[in-house]
């Protein structure tokens, strides 16, 4: 089967991109294949698409740091064909091919099943930070911890900021940790 993907190539030091037709057998190793529905864009993707920095070392490469979609095949017993998932893997779109493609193949440990009632679009709209925060809150509540104080590390970053805001909105007492003291007022305004 063929699928379309944003494919980055590098000739000498110049990086270029194109929408290319690829074959399933060109996908990297992984135990779960996903038909990608959505992927978001962040500053790392912007850098990668413009050949800035050394985030990508092996070309050709498909960028995209996250995605949501539907499992199309799996050898991982946790996932079945038709499961709706979001990818939360480390270094995806940098070292491992990412979400700017109609198909992806990844390690099942990098996926999370979407909660009932949340669509693939909504998962990408709240982003990895929002989903991670919601899953953490759900785990706390499922274990009866409820309104215990929560420490958010890296709180001034994009993921941390969303986590601080969502936790505070849900009534948690949030402590924010960051290496950027100049963001204290910003974090307090988010609810820390």
Protein backbone atom coordinates (compact mmCIF):
# COMPACT_ATOMS: atom_id res chain seq x y z
CA UNK A 1 0.00 0.00 0.00
CA UNK A 2 1.14 3.53 -0.68
CA UNK A 3 0.59 6.58 1.49
CA UNK A 4 1.55 10.23 1.37
CA UNK A 5 4.02 11.81 3.77
CA UNK A 6 6.08 14.95 4.19
CA UNK A 7 9.52 13.57 3.43
CA UNK A 8 12.67 15.45 4.37
CA UNK A 9 15.88 14.78 2.48
CA UNK A 10 19.32 16.25 2.91
CA UNK A 11 21.88 16.88 0.22
CA UNK A 12 25.18 18.10 1.60
CA UNK A 13 23.88 20.45 4.35
CA UNK A 14 20.71 21.62 2.61
CA UNK A 15 17.43 20.10 3.85
CA UNK A 16 14.45 19.98 1.50
CA UNK A 17 10.92 18.67 1.88
CA UNK A 18 8.25 17.33 -0.42
CA UNK A 19 4.98 15.45 -0.18
CA UNK A 20 6.03 12.00 -1.35
CA UNK A 21 4.30 8.68 -2.07
CA UNK A 22 5.82 5.99 0.14
CA UNK A 23 5.26 2.26 0.59
CA UNK A 24 4.26 0.59 3.87
CA UNK A 25 7.55 -1.33 3.89
CA UNK A 26 9.43 1.98 4.11
CA UNK A 27 7.98 2.71 7.56
CA UNK A 28 10.40 2.29 10.48
CA UNK A 29 10.18 -0.66 12.86
CA UNK A 30 7.41 -0.75 15.43
CA UNK A 31 4.71 -3.06 16.71
CA UNK A 32 1.67 -0.84 16.03
CA UNK A 33 0.63 0.67 12.70
CA UNK A 34 -1.67 3.70 12.78
CA UNK A 35 -3.72 5.49 10.15
CA UNK A 36 -2.88 9.07 11.14
CA UNK A 37 -5.80 11.47 11.49
CA UNK A 38 -4.11 14.61 12.87
CA UNK A 39 -0.72 15.93 13.88
CA UNK A 40 0.18 19.27 15.41
CA UNK A 41 2.99 21.67 14.55
CA UNK A 42 5.39 23.08 17.11
CA UNK A 43 8.63 25.02 17.04
CA UNK A 44 10.76 21.85 16.75
CA UNK A 45 8.90 20.90 13.58
CA UNK A 46 9.49 24.40 12.23
CA UNK A 47 13.21 24.03 12.93
CA UNK A 48 13.32 20.56 11.37
CA UNK A 49 11.44 21.65 8.23
CA UNK A 50 13.96 24.47 7.77
CA UNK A 51 17.07 22.37 8.47
CA UNK A 52 17.91 24.29 11.64
CA UNK A 53 19.83 22.47 14.35
CA UNK A 54 20.71 18.79 14.64
CA UNK A 55 17.35 17.39 15.81
CA UNK A 56 17.24 15.09 12.77
CA UNK A 57 20.38 13.15 11.97
CA UNK A 58 19.16 10.43 9.63
CA UNK A 59 17.54 11.21 6.29
CA UNK A 60 15.16 10.61 4.66
CA UNK A 61 12.88 11.54 7.56
CA UNK A 62 9.19 12.21 8.26
CA UNK A 63 8.77 15.04 10.82
CA UNK A 64 5.89 15.60 13.26
CA UNK A 65 6.31 15.29 17.02
CA UNK A 66 2.88 13.79 17.71
CA UNK A 67 -0.26 12.42 16.08
CA UNK A 68 -3.65 10.92 16.72
CA UNK A 69 -5.30 8.21 14.67
CA UNK A 70 -6.74 4.72 14.43
CA UNK A 71 -4.78 1.47 14.83
CA UNK A 72 -4.66 -0.40 11.52
CA UNK A 73 -2.47 -3.34 12.66
CA UNK A 74 -0.81 -4.42 15.89
CA UNK A 75 1.34 -7.18 17.35
CA UNK A 76 1.14 -5.45 20.76
CA UNK A 77 -1.62 -7.14 22.81
CA UNK A 78 -2.67 -3.78 24.30
CA UNK A 79 -3.91 -2.47 20.94
CA UNK A 80 -6.46 -3.81 18.49
CA UNK A 81 -7.38 -2.74 15.00
CA UNK A 82 -9.82 0.15 15.30
CA UNK A 83 -8.50 1.50 18.63
CA UNK A 84 -8.27 5.29 18.64
CA UNK A 85 -4.87 6.44 19.95
CA UNK A 86 -2.61 9.40 20.48
CA UNK A 87 1.17 9.22 20.20
CA UNK A 88 3.17 10.56 23.13
CA UNK A 89 6.58 9.09 22.31
CA UNK A 90 9.95 10.55 23.11
CA UNK A 91 11.98 11.85 20.13
CA UNK A 92 9.28 10.98 17.58
CA UNK A 93 9.65 13.32 14.64
CA UNK A 94 13.31 13.76 15.53
CA UNK A 95 14.89 10.28 15.67
CA UNK A 96 11.87 8.11 14.77
CA UNK A 97 9.56 9.03 11.87
CA UNK A 98 6.70 11.23 13.07
CA UNK A 99 3.13 12.22 12.33
CA UNK A 100 3.30 14.19 9.06
CA UNK A 101 2.13 11.18 7.10
CA UNK A 102 -1.05 9.26 6.41
CA UNK A 103 0.47 6.21 8.16
CA UNK A 104 2.90 5.63 11.02
CA UNK A 105 4.47 2.60 12.69
CA UNK A 106 5.65 2.99 16.29
CA UNK A 107 6.38 1.20 19.54
CA UNK A 108 3.16 0.52 21.45
CA UNK A 109 4.70 2.04 24.59
CA UNK A 110 4.48 5.44 22.89
CA UNK A 111 0.71 5.26 22.41
CA UNK A 112 -2.22 5.98 24.69
CA UNK A 113 -5.79 4.94 23.91
CA UNK A 114 -8.07 7.94 23.68
CA UNK A 115 -10.67 8.20 26.45
CA UNK A 116 -14.28 7.55 25.45
CA UNK A 117 -15.86 10.73 24.19
CA UNK A 118 -12.62 12.31 22.97
CA UNK A 119 -12.07 12.46 19.23
CA UNK A 120 -8.74 12.36 17.41
CA UNK A 121 -9.22 16.04 16.56
CA UNK A 122 -9.87 16.96 20.19
CA UNK A 123 -6.77 15.05 21.29
CA UNK A 124 -4.62 17.19 19.02
CA UNK A 125 -6.51 20.38 19.90
CA UNK A 126 -5.68 20.00 23.60
CA UNK A 127 -2.28 18.64 22.57
CA UNK A 128 0.03 16.22 24.29
CA UNK A 129 0.30 18.52 27.32
CA UNK A 130 -3.44 18.70 27.79
CA UNK A 131 -3.97 14.98 27.30
CA UNK A 132 -1.08 14.09 29.62
CA UNK A 133 -2.48 16.41 32.27
CA UNK A 134 -5.95 14.90 31.94
CA UNK A 135 -4.59 11.35 32.18
CA UNK A 136 -2.52 12.27 35.24
CA UNK A 137 -5.55 13.82 36.91
CA UNK A 138 -7.65 10.78 36.07
CA UNK A 139 -5.01 8.46 37.57
CA UNK A 140 -4.90 10.54 40.77
CA UNK A 141 -8.67 10.44 41.09
CA UNK A 142 -8.88 6.73 40.18
CA UNK A 143 -6.52 6.01 43.10
CA UNK A 144 -8.49 8.14 45.54
CA UNK A 145 -5.84 10.81 45.83
CA UNK A 146 -8.24 13.50 44.62
CA UNK A 147 -7.17 16.98 45.56
CA UNK A 148 -3.60 16.30 46.72
CA UNK A 149 -1.08 19.05 45.87
CA UNK A 150 0.58 18.48 42.48
CA UNK A 151 4.09 19.52 41.44
CA UNK A 152 4.55 20.38 37.76
CA UNK A 153 8.20 20.42 36.67
CA UNK A 154 9.23 22.35 33.59
CA UNK A 155 6.16 24.46 34.30
CA UNK A 156 7.13 27.46 32.15
CA UNK A 157 7.30 25.40 28.95
CA UNK A 158 4.37 24.68 26.66
CA UNK A 159 3.56 21.28 28.16
CA UNK A 160 4.06 22.46 31.73
CA UNK A 161 1.99 25.62 31.24
CA UNK A 162 -0.98 23.65 29.95
CA UNK A 163 -0.64 21.17 32.82
CA UNK A 164 -0.55 23.96 35.42
CA UNK A 165 -3.63 25.62 33.92
CA UNK A 166 -5.72 22.43 33.59
CA UNK A 167 -4.84 21.18 37.06
CA UNK A 168 -5.64 24.55 38.65
CA UNK A 169 -8.92 24.76 36.75
CA UNK A 170 -9.86 21.33 38.13
CA UNK A 171 -9.29 22.55 41.69
CA UNK A 172 -5.85 21.08 42.40
CA UNK A 173 -3.28 22.95 44.46
CA UNK A 174 -0.45 23.33 41.94
CA UNK A 175 3.22 24.02 42.67
CA UNK A 176 5.24 25.03 39.62
CA UNK A 177 8.93 24.28 39.23
CA UNK A 178 11.00 25.95 36.53
CA UNK A 179 14.54 27.05 35.87
CA UNK A 180 13.19 30.41 34.66
CA UNK A 181 12.38 32.56 37.73
CA UNK A 182 11.22 35.45 35.49
CA UNK A 183 8.10 33.36 34.70
CA UNK A 184 6.83 33.38 38.32
CA UNK A 185 4.04 35.88 37.67
CA UNK A 186 2.97 34.08 34.49
CA UNK A 187 2.74 30.75 36.36
CA UNK A 188 0.85 32.35 39.25
CA UNK A 189 -1.65 33.74 36.75
CA UNK A 190 -2.14 30.19 35.40
CA UNK A 191 -3.04 29.01 38.89
CA UNK A 192 0.24 27.86 40.47
